[in-house]
Amino acid sequence: MADFCNKCAHVMWGEDFEPEIDVPQIATKLTNGYYIPVICEGCGLIAISKDEDGKVILAYGDSDGDDMAWESLDDWQEKEPKLKIR
């Protein structure tokens, strides 16, 4: 079964659909210095990470699959403000 993050689930099925990958919820529970692998079939999100200072960073595979691109949770949330951690 395919899993989708908050944004992809919202785009594909509307606001009432519960995402399988709830990025803000996972981020609040993640311990500093750790990550959790995920696979969003929509956007290609592959990991949610929290650095030693508590900054949440999301990882995406690049187009050739050799490297990862990283984006902060703040940048991700700016794209969809209503998904901010409460």
PDB file of N, CA and C in Angstrom:
ATOM      1  N   MET A   1       0.835  -1.176   0.000  1.00  0.00           N
ATOM      2  CA  MET A   1       0.000   0.000   0.000  1.00  0.00           C
ATOM      3  C   MET A   1       0.886   1.247   0.000  1.00  0.00           C
ATOM      4  N   ALA A   2       0.518   2.233  -0.771  1.00  0.00           N
ATOM      5  CA  ALA A   2       1.281   3.474  -0.863  1.00  0.00           C
ATOM      6  C   ALA A   2       0.987   4.369   0.342  1.00  0.00           C
ATOM      7  N   ASP A   3       2.013   5.055   0.815  1.00  0.00           N
ATOM      8  CA  ASP A   3       1.864   5.993   1.922  1.00  0.00           C
ATOM      9  C   ASP A   3       2.087   7.412   1.398  1.00  0.00           C
ATOM     10  N   PHE A   4       1.355   8.359   1.985  1.00  0.00           N
ATOM     11  CA  PHE A   4       1.429   9.747   1.546  1.00  0.00           C
ATOM     12  C   PHE A   4       1.567  10.668   2.751  1.00  0.00           C
ATOM     13  N   CYS A   5       2.352  11.750   2.588  1.00  0.00           N
ATOM     14  CA  CYS A   5       2.546  12.746   3.642  1.00  0.00           C
ATOM     15  C   CYS A   5       1.340  13.690   3.696  1.00  0.00           C
ATOM     16  N   ASN A   6       1.363  14.595   4.645  1.00  0.00           N
ATOM     17  CA  ASN A   6       0.264  15.547   4.833  1.00  0.00           C
ATOM     18  C   ASN A   6      -0.089  16.286   3.552  1.00  0.00           C
ATOM     19  N   LYS A   7       0.914  16.805   2.895  1.00  0.00           N
ATOM     20  CA  LYS A   7       0.663  17.613   1.699  1.00  0.00           C
ATOM     21  C   LYS A   7       0.120  16.782   0.551  1.00  0.00           C
ATOM     22  N   CYS A   8       0.730  15.645   0.295  1.00  0.00           N
ATOM     23  CA  CYS A   8       0.288  14.817  -0.827  1.00  0.00           C
ATOM     24  C   CYS A   8      -1.114  14.261  -0.584  1.00  0.00           C
ATOM     25  N   ALA A   9      -1.390  13.841   0.649  1.00  0.00           N
ATOM     26  CA  ALA A   9      -2.724  13.334   0.975  1.00  0.00           C
ATOM     27  C   ALA A   9      -3.760  14.434   0.785  1.00  0.00           C
ATOM     28  N   HIS A  10      -3.411  15.647   1.205  1.00  0.00           N
ATOM     29  CA  HIS A  10      -4.329  16.784   1.069  1.00  0.00           C
ATOM     30  C   HIS A  10      -4.605  17.086  -0.406  1.00  0.00           C
ATOM     31  N   VAL A  11      -3.560  17.091  -1.217  1.00  0.00           N
ATOM     32  CA  VAL A  11      -3.711  17.397  -2.642  1.00  0.00           C
ATOM     33  C   VAL A  11      -4.529  16.310  -3.337  1.00  0.00           C
ATOM     34  N   MET A  12      -4.262  15.056  -2.990  1.00  0.00           N
ATOM     35  CA  MET A  12      -4.908  13.951  -3.701  1.00  0.00           C
ATOM     36  C   MET A  12      -6.336  13.669  -3.236  1.00  0.00           C
ATOM     37  N   TRP A  13      -6.600  13.793  -1.909  1.00  0.00           N
ATOM     38  CA  TRP A  13      -7.903  13.369  -1.393  1.00  0.00           C
ATOM     39  C   TRP A  13      -8.641  14.420  -0.572  1.00  0.00           C
ATOM     40  N   GLY A  14      -8.065  15.588  -0.379  1.00  0.00           N
ATOM     41  CA  GLY A  14      -8.733  16.643   0.370  1.00  0.00           C
ATOM     42  C   GLY A  14      -8.316  16.699   1.827  1.00  0.00           C
ATOM     43  N   GLU A  15      -8.736  17.758   2.491  1.00  0.00           N
ATOM     44  CA  GLU A  15      -8.312  18.034   3.865  1.00  0.00           C
ATOM     45  C   GLU A  15      -8.764  17.003   4.891  1.00  0.00           C
ATOM     46  N   ASP A  16      -9.843  16.297   4.626  1.00  0.00           N
ATOM     47  CA  ASP A  16     -10.377  15.356   5.607  1.00  0.00           C
ATOM     48  C   ASP A  16      -9.668  14.010   5.615  1.00  0.00           C
ATOM     49  N   PHE A  17      -8.775  13.780   4.641  1.00  0.00           N
ATOM     50  CA  PHE A  17      -8.065  12.510   4.559  1.00  0.00           C
ATOM     51  C   PHE A  17      -6.889  12.505   5.525  1.00  0.00           C
ATOM     52  N   GLU A  18      -6.795  11.475   6.352  1.00  0.00           N
ATOM     53  CA  GLU A  18      -5.682  11.348   7.292  1.00  0.00           C
ATOM     54  C   GLU A  18      -4.444  10.814   6.565  1.00  0.00           C
ATOM     55  N   PRO A  19      -3.312  11.530   6.639  1.00  0.00           N
ATOM     56  CA  PRO A  19      -2.098  11.051   5.965  1.00  0.00           C
ATOM     57  C   PRO A  19      -1.496   9.862   6.708  1.00  0.00           C
ATOM     58  N   GLU A  20      -0.857   8.988   5.974  1.00  0.00           N
ATOM     59  CA  GLU A  20      -0.128   7.892   6.606  1.00  0.00           C
ATOM     60  C   GLU A  20       1.186   8.399   7.197  1.00  0.00           C
ATOM     61  N   ILE A  21       1.744   9.443   6.619  1.00  0.00           N
ATOM     62  CA  ILE A  21       2.984  10.051   7.111  1.00  0.00           C
ATOM     63  C   ILE A  21       2.633  11.457   7.593  1.00  0.00           C
ATOM     64  N   ASP A  22       2.384  11.586   8.889  1.00  0.00           N
ATOM     65  CA  ASP A  22       2.037  12.885   9.473  1.00  0.00           C
ATOM     66  C   ASP A  22       3.340  13.558   9.909  1.00  0.00           C
ATOM     67  N   VAL A  23       3.900  14.349   9.023  1.00  0.00           N
ATOM     68  CA  VAL A  23       5.235  14.930   9.230  1.00  0.00           C
ATOM     69  C   VAL A  23       5.315  15.740  10.528  1.00  0.00           C
ATOM     70  N   PRO A  24       4.408  16.689  10.798  1.00  0.00           N
ATOM     71  CA  PRO A  24       4.513  17.448  12.055  1.00  0.00           C
ATOM     72  C   PRO A  24       4.417  16.563  13.299  1.00  0.00           C
ATOM     73  N   GLN A  25       3.550  15.570  13.277  1.00  0.00           N
ATOM     74  CA  GLN A  25       3.406  14.683  14.430  1.00  0.00           C
ATOM     75  C   GLN A  25       4.678  13.860  14.651  1.00  0.00           C
ATOM     76  N   ILE A  26       5.222  13.314  13.582  1.00  0.00           N
ATOM     77  CA  ILE A  26       6.468  12.557  13.691  1.00  0.00           C
ATOM     78  C   ILE A  26       7.587  13.459  14.197  1.00  0.00           C
ATOM     79  N   ALA A  27       7.661  14.677  13.687  1.00  0.00           N
ATOM     80  CA  ALA A  27       8.727  15.614  14.077  1.00  0.00           C
ATOM     81  C   ALA A  27       8.678  15.948  15.563  1.00  0.00           C
ATOM     82  N   THR A  28       7.486  16.128  16.123  1.00  0.00           N
ATOM     83  CA  THR A  28       7.391  16.479  17.546  1.00  0.00           C
ATOM     84  C   THR A  28       7.832  15.335  18.438  1.00  0.00           C
ATOM     85  N   LYS A  29       7.700  14.107  17.979  1.00  0.00           N
ATOM     86  CA  LYS A  29       8.067  12.939  18.787  1.00  0.00           C
ATOM     87  C   LYS A  29       9.510  12.489  18.584  1.00  0.00           C
ATOM     88  N   LEU A  30      10.176  13.008  17.566  1.00  0.00           N
ATOM     89  CA  LEU A  30      11.523  12.566  17.222  1.00  0.00           C
ATOM     90  C   LEU A  30      12.547  13.132  18.209  1.00  0.00           C
ATOM     91  N   THR A  31      13.441  12.296  18.665  1.00  0.00           N
ATOM     92  CA  THR A  31      14.507  12.697  19.587  1.00  0.00           C
ATOM     93  C   THR A  31      15.618  13.400  18.809  1.00  0.00           C
ATOM     94  N   ASN A  32      16.209  14.434  19.410  1.00  0.00           N
ATOM     95  CA  ASN A  32      17.325  15.144  18.777  1.00  0.00           C
ATOM     96  C   ASN A  32      18.426  14.156  18.399  1.00  0.00           C
ATOM     97  N   GLY A  33      18.963  14.350  17.190  1.00  0.00           N
ATOM     98  CA  GLY A  33      20.056  13.509  16.719  1.00  0.00           C
ATOM     99  C   GLY A  33      19.613  12.227  16.025  1.00  0.00           C
ATOM    100  N   TYR A  34      18.322  12.075  15.790  1.00  0.00           N
ATOM    101  CA  TYR A  34      17.806  10.862  15.163  1.00  0.00           C
ATOM    102  C   TYR A  34      16.994  11.191  13.914  1.00  0.00           C
ATOM    103  N   TYR A  35      16.717  10.148  13.146  1.00  0.00           N
ATOM    104  CA  TYR A  35      15.861  10.288  11.973  1.00  0.00           C
ATOM    105  C   TYR A  35      14.977   9.055  11.865  1.00  0.00           C
ATOM    106  N   ILE A  36      13.945   9.178  11.055  1.00  0.00           N
ATOM    107  CA  ILE A  36      13.085   8.044  10.762  1.00  0.00           C
ATOM    108  C   ILE A  36      12.915   7.973   9.246  1.00  0.00           C
ATOM    109  N   PRO A  37      13.161   6.802   8.674  1.00  0.00           N
ATOM    110  CA  PRO A  37      12.963   6.680   7.232  1.00  0.00           C
ATOM    111  C   PRO A  37      11.470   6.578   6.915  1.00  0.00           C
ATOM    112  N   VAL A  38      11.064   7.219   5.858  1.00  0.00           N
ATOM    113  CA  VAL A  38       9.684   7.166   5.362  1.00  0.00           C
ATOM    114  C   VAL A  38       9.750   7.130   3.837  1.00  0.00           C
ATOM    115  N   ILE A  39       8.672   6.748   3.218  1.00  0.00           N
ATOM    116  CA  ILE A  39       8.597   6.834   1.757  1.00  0.00           C
ATOM    117  C   ILE A  39       7.231   7.385   1.396  1.00  0.00           C
ATOM    118  N   CYS A  40       7.203   8.638   0.950  1.00  0.00           N
ATOM    119  CA  CYS A  40       5.971   9.243   0.452  1.00  0.00           C
ATOM    120  C   CYS A  40       5.926   8.991  -1.052  1.00  0.00           C
ATOM    121  N   GLU A  41       4.896   8.312  -1.478  1.00  0.00           N
ATOM    122  CA  GLU A  41       4.759   7.973  -2.897  1.00  0.00           C
ATOM    123  C   GLU A  41       4.431   9.192  -3.756  1.00  0.00           C
ATOM    124  N   GLY A  42       4.008  10.284  -3.116  1.00  0.00           N
ATOM    125  CA  GLY A  42       3.668  11.477  -3.870  1.00  0.00           C
ATOM    126  C   GLY A  42       4.859  12.375  -4.155  1.00  0.00           C
ATOM    127  N   CYS A  43       5.530  12.832  -3.099  1.00  0.00           N
ATOM    128  CA  CYS A  43       6.596  13.826  -3.265  1.00  0.00           C
ATOM    129  C   CYS A  43       8.000  13.240  -3.190  1.00  0.00           C
ATOM    130  N   GLY A  44       8.130  11.988  -2.787  1.00  0.00           N
ATOM    131  CA  GLY A  44       9.443  11.375  -2.711  1.00  0.00           C
ATOM    132  C   GLY A  44      10.164  11.612  -1.398  1.00  0.00           C
ATOM    133  N   LEU A  45       9.461  12.102  -0.382  1.00  0.00           N
ATOM    134  CA  LEU A  45      10.050  12.274   0.948  1.00  0.00           C
ATOM    135  C   LEU A  45      10.590  10.930   1.414  1.00  0.00           C
ATOM    136  N   ILE A  46      11.858  10.906   1.880  1.00  0.00           N
ATOM    137  CA  ILE A  46      12.446   9.630   2.287  1.00  0.00           C
ATOM    138  C   ILE A  46      12.912   9.584   3.739  1.00  0.00           C
ATOM    139  N   ALA A  47      12.975  10.732   4.418  1.00  0.00           N
ATOM    140  CA  ALA A  47      13.380  10.710   5.823  1.00  0.00           C
ATOM    141  C   ALA A  47      12.958  12.000   6.521  1.00  0.00           C
ATOM    142  N   ILE A  48      12.673  11.850   7.815  1.00  0.00           N
ATOM    143  CA  ILE A  48      12.420  12.992   8.693  1.00  0.00           C
ATOM    144  C   ILE A  48      13.512  12.930   9.749  1.00  0.00           C
ATOM    145  N   SER A  49      14.262  14.013   9.905  1.00  0.00           N
ATOM    146  CA  SER A  49      15.434  14.038  10.771  1.00  0.00           C
ATOM    147  C   SER A  49      15.344  15.205  11.748  1.00  0.00           C
ATOM    148  N   LYS A  50      15.953  15.013  12.906  1.00  0.00           N
ATOM    149  CA  LYS A  50      16.081  16.107  13.871  1.00  0.00           C
ATOM    150  C   LYS A  50      17.544  16.174  14.283  1.00  0.00           C
ATOM    151  N   ASP A  51      18.185  17.331  14.040  1.00  0.00           N
ATOM    152  CA  ASP A  51      19.599  17.441  14.387  1.00  0.00           C
ATOM    153  C   ASP A  51      19.776  17.605  15.890  1.00  0.00           C
ATOM    154  N   GLU A  52      21.020  17.701  16.330  1.00  0.00           N
ATOM    155  CA  GLU A  52      21.328  17.789  17.767  1.00  0.00           C
ATOM    156  C   GLU A  52      20.717  19.014  18.432  1.00  0.00           C
ATOM    157  N   ASP A  53      20.450  20.069  17.644  1.00  0.00           N
ATOM    158  CA  ASP A  53      19.851  21.292  18.183  1.00  0.00           C
ATOM    159  C   ASP A  53      18.327  21.280  18.121  1.00  0.00           C
ATOM    160  N   GLY A  54      17.744  20.207  17.597  1.00  0.00           N
ATOM    161  CA  GLY A  54      16.298  20.099  17.528  1.00  0.00           C
ATOM    162  C   GLY A  54      15.672  20.616  16.244  1.00  0.00           C
ATOM    163  N   LYS A  55      16.511  20.996  15.264  1.00  0.00           N
ATOM    164  CA  LYS A  55      15.994  21.472  13.985  1.00  0.00           C
ATOM    165  C   LYS A  55      15.555  20.277  13.147  1.00  0.00           C
ATOM    166  N   VAL A  56      14.339  20.340  12.634  1.00  0.00           N
ATOM    167  CA  VAL A  56      13.793  19.250  11.834  1.00  0.00           C
ATOM    168  C   VAL A  56      14.123  19.486  10.365  1.00  0.00           C
ATOM    169  N   ILE A  57      14.639  18.443   9.726  1.00  0.00           N
ATOM    170  CA  ILE A  57      15.036  18.511   8.318  1.00  0.00           C
ATOM    171  C   ILE A  57      14.431  17.308   7.600  1.00  0.00           C
ATOM    172  N   LEU A  58      13.895  17.553   6.420  1.00  0.00           N
ATOM    173  CA  LEU A  58      13.282  16.507   5.614  1.00  0.00           C
ATOM    174  C   LEU A  58      14.190  16.165   4.443  1.00  0.00           C
ATOM    175  N   ALA A  59      14.314  14.890   4.125  1.00  0.00           N
ATOM    176  CA  ALA A  59      15.181  14.441   3.036  1.00  0.00           C
ATOM    177  C   ALA A  59      14.362  13.909   1.871  1.00  0.00           C
ATOM    178  N   TYR A  60      14.821  14.239   0.671  1.00  0.00           N
ATOM    179  CA  TYR A  60      14.213  13.778  -0.573  1.00  0.00           C
ATOM    180  C   TYR A  60      15.308  13.179  -1.437  1.00  0.00           C
ATOM    181  N   GLY A  61      15.001  12.129  -2.179  1.00  0.00           N
ATOM    182  CA  GLY A  61      15.956  11.587  -3.138  1.00  0.00           C
ATOM    183  C   GLY A  61      16.031  12.498  -4.345  1.00  0.00           C
ATOM    184  N   ASP A  62      17.228  12.649  -4.894  1.00  0.00           N
ATOM    185  CA  ASP A  62      17.342  13.463  -6.108  1.00  0.00           C
ATOM    186  C   ASP A  62      16.916  12.632  -7.322  1.00  0.00           C
ATOM    187  N   SER A  63      16.879  13.266  -8.464  1.00  0.00           N
ATOM    188  CA  SER A  63      16.346  12.626  -9.661  1.00  0.00           C
ATOM    189  C   SER A  63      17.149  11.414 -10.122  1.00  0.00           C
ATOM    190  N   ASP A  64      18.459  11.384  -9.864  1.00  0.00           N
ATOM    191  CA  ASP A  64      19.248  10.229 -10.302  1.00  0.00           C
ATOM    192  C   ASP A  64      19.429   9.190  -9.203  1.00  0.00           C
ATOM    193  N   GLY A  65      18.929   9.480  -8.004  1.00  0.00           N
ATOM    194  CA  GLY A  65      18.973   8.516  -6.911  1.00  0.00           C
ATOM    195  C   GLY A  65      20.304   8.395  -6.208  1.00  0.00           C
ATOM    196  N   ASP A  66      21.276   9.229  -6.558  1.00  0.00           N
ATOM    197  CA  ASP A  66      22.599   9.137  -5.944  1.00  0.00           C
ATOM    198  C   ASP A  66      22.745   9.970  -4.669  1.00  0.00           C
ATOM    199  N   ASP A  67      22.045  11.069  -4.597  1.00  0.00           N
ATOM    200  CA  ASP A  67      22.182  11.988  -3.468  1.00  0.00           C
ATOM    201  C   ASP A  67      20.816  12.293  -2.869  1.00  0.00           C
ATOM    202  N   MET A  68      20.870  12.987  -1.740  1.00  0.00           N
ATOM    203  CA  MET A  68      19.641  13.446  -1.109  1.00  0.00           C
ATOM    204  C   MET A  68      19.618  14.960  -1.108  1.00  0.00           C
ATOM    205  N   ALA A  69      18.434  15.503  -1.245  1.00  0.00           N
ATOM    206  CA  ALA A  69      18.220  16.939  -1.082  1.00  0.00           C
ATOM    207  C   ALA A  69      17.540  17.130   0.261  1.00  0.00           C
ATOM    208  N   TRP A  70      17.944  18.142   0.996  1.00  0.00           N
ATOM    209  CA  TRP A  70      17.405  18.390   2.336  1.00  0.00           C
ATOM    210  C   TRP A  70      16.631  19.701   2.356  1.00  0.00           C
ATOM    211  N   GLU A  71      15.562  19.737   3.141  1.00  0.00           N
ATOM    212  CA  GLU A  71      14.730  20.924   3.293  1.00  0.00           C
ATOM    213  C   GLU A  71      14.312  21.015   4.751  1.00  0.00           C
ATOM    214  N   SER A  72      14.369  22.205   5.314  1.00  0.00           N
ATOM    215  CA  SER A  72      13.962  22.346   6.715  1.00  0.00           C
ATOM    216  C   SER A  72      12.442  22.218   6.833  1.00  0.00           C
ATOM    217  N   LEU A  73      11.998  21.824   8.004  1.00  0.00           N
ATOM    218  CA  LEU A  73      10.556  21.738   8.253  1.00  0.00           C
ATOM    219  C   LEU A  73       9.918  23.111   8.090  1.00  0.00           C
ATOM    220  N   ASP A  74      10.635  24.161   8.489  1.00  0.00           N
ATOM    221  CA  ASP A  74      10.113  25.520   8.329  1.00  0.00           C
ATOM    222  C   ASP A  74       9.848  25.839   6.861  1.00  0.00           C
ATOM    223  N   ASP A  75      10.792  25.484   5.982  1.00  0.00           N
ATOM    224  CA  ASP A  75      10.594  25.724   4.551  1.00  0.00           C
ATOM    225  C   ASP A  75       9.420  24.907   4.022  1.00  0.00           C
ATOM    226  N   TRP A  76       9.325  23.663   4.461  1.00  0.00           N
ATOM    227  CA  TRP A  76       8.224  22.788   4.046  1.00  0.00           C
ATOM    228  C   TRP A  76       6.879  23.375   4.487  1.00  0.00           C
ATOM    229  N   GLN A  77       6.837  23.872   5.732  1.00  0.00           N
ATOM    230  CA  GLN A  77       5.601  24.432   6.260  1.00  0.00           C
ATOM    231  C   GLN A  77       5.221  25.730   5.565  1.00  0.00           C
ATOM    232  N   GLU A  78       6.198  26.515   5.178  1.00  0.00           N
ATOM    233  CA  GLU A  78       5.900  27.770   4.488  1.00  0.00           C
ATOM    234  C   GLU A  78       5.133  27.523   3.193  1.00  0.00           C
ATOM    235  N   LYS A  79       5.342  26.380   2.607  1.00  0.00           N
ATOM    236  CA  LYS A  79       4.632  26.030   1.384  1.00  0.00           C
ATOM    237  C   LYS A  79       3.164  25.721   1.668  1.00  0.00           C
ATOM    238  N   GLU A  80       2.857  25.331   2.895  1.00  0.00           N
ATOM    239  CA  GLU A  80       1.487  25.002   3.303  1.00  0.00           C
ATOM    240  C   GLU A  80       1.350  25.379   4.790  1.00  0.00           C
ATOM    241  N   PRO A  81       1.130  26.659   5.097  1.00  0.00           N
ATOM    242  CA  PRO A  81       1.161  27.154   6.482  1.00  0.00           C
ATOM    243  C   PRO A  81       0.238  26.442   7.460  1.00  0.00           C
ATOM    244  N   LYS A  82      -0.878  25.923   7.027  1.00  0.00           N
ATOM    245  CA  LYS A  82      -1.803  25.300   7.979  1.00  0.00           C
ATOM    246  C   LYS A  82      -1.291  23.976   8.534  1.00  0.00           C
ATOM    247  N   LEU A  83      -0.177  23.470   8.013  1.00  0.00           N
ATOM    248  CA  LEU A  83       0.381  22.220   8.511  1.00  0.00           C
ATOM    249  C   LEU A  83       1.402  22.440   9.626  1.00  0.00           C
ATOM    250  N   LYS A  84       1.532  23.667  10.111  1.00  0.00           N
ATOM    251  CA  LYS A  84       2.510  23.954  11.156  1.00  0.00           C
ATOM    252  C   LYS A  84       2.201  23.148  12.419  1.00  0.00           C
ATOM    253  N   ILE A  85       3.257  22.775  13.120  1.00  0.00           N
ATOM    254  CA  ILE A  85       3.119  22.057  14.377  1.00  0.00           C
ATOM    255  C   ILE A  85       2.439  22.981  15.384  1.00  0.00           C
ATOM    256  N   ARG A  86       1.451  22.463  16.038  1.00  0.00           N
ATOM    257  CA  ARG A  86       0.708  23.253  17.030  1.00  0.00           C
ATOM    258  C   ARG A  86       1.159  22.910  18.419  1.00  0.00           C
TER     259      ARG A  86
END
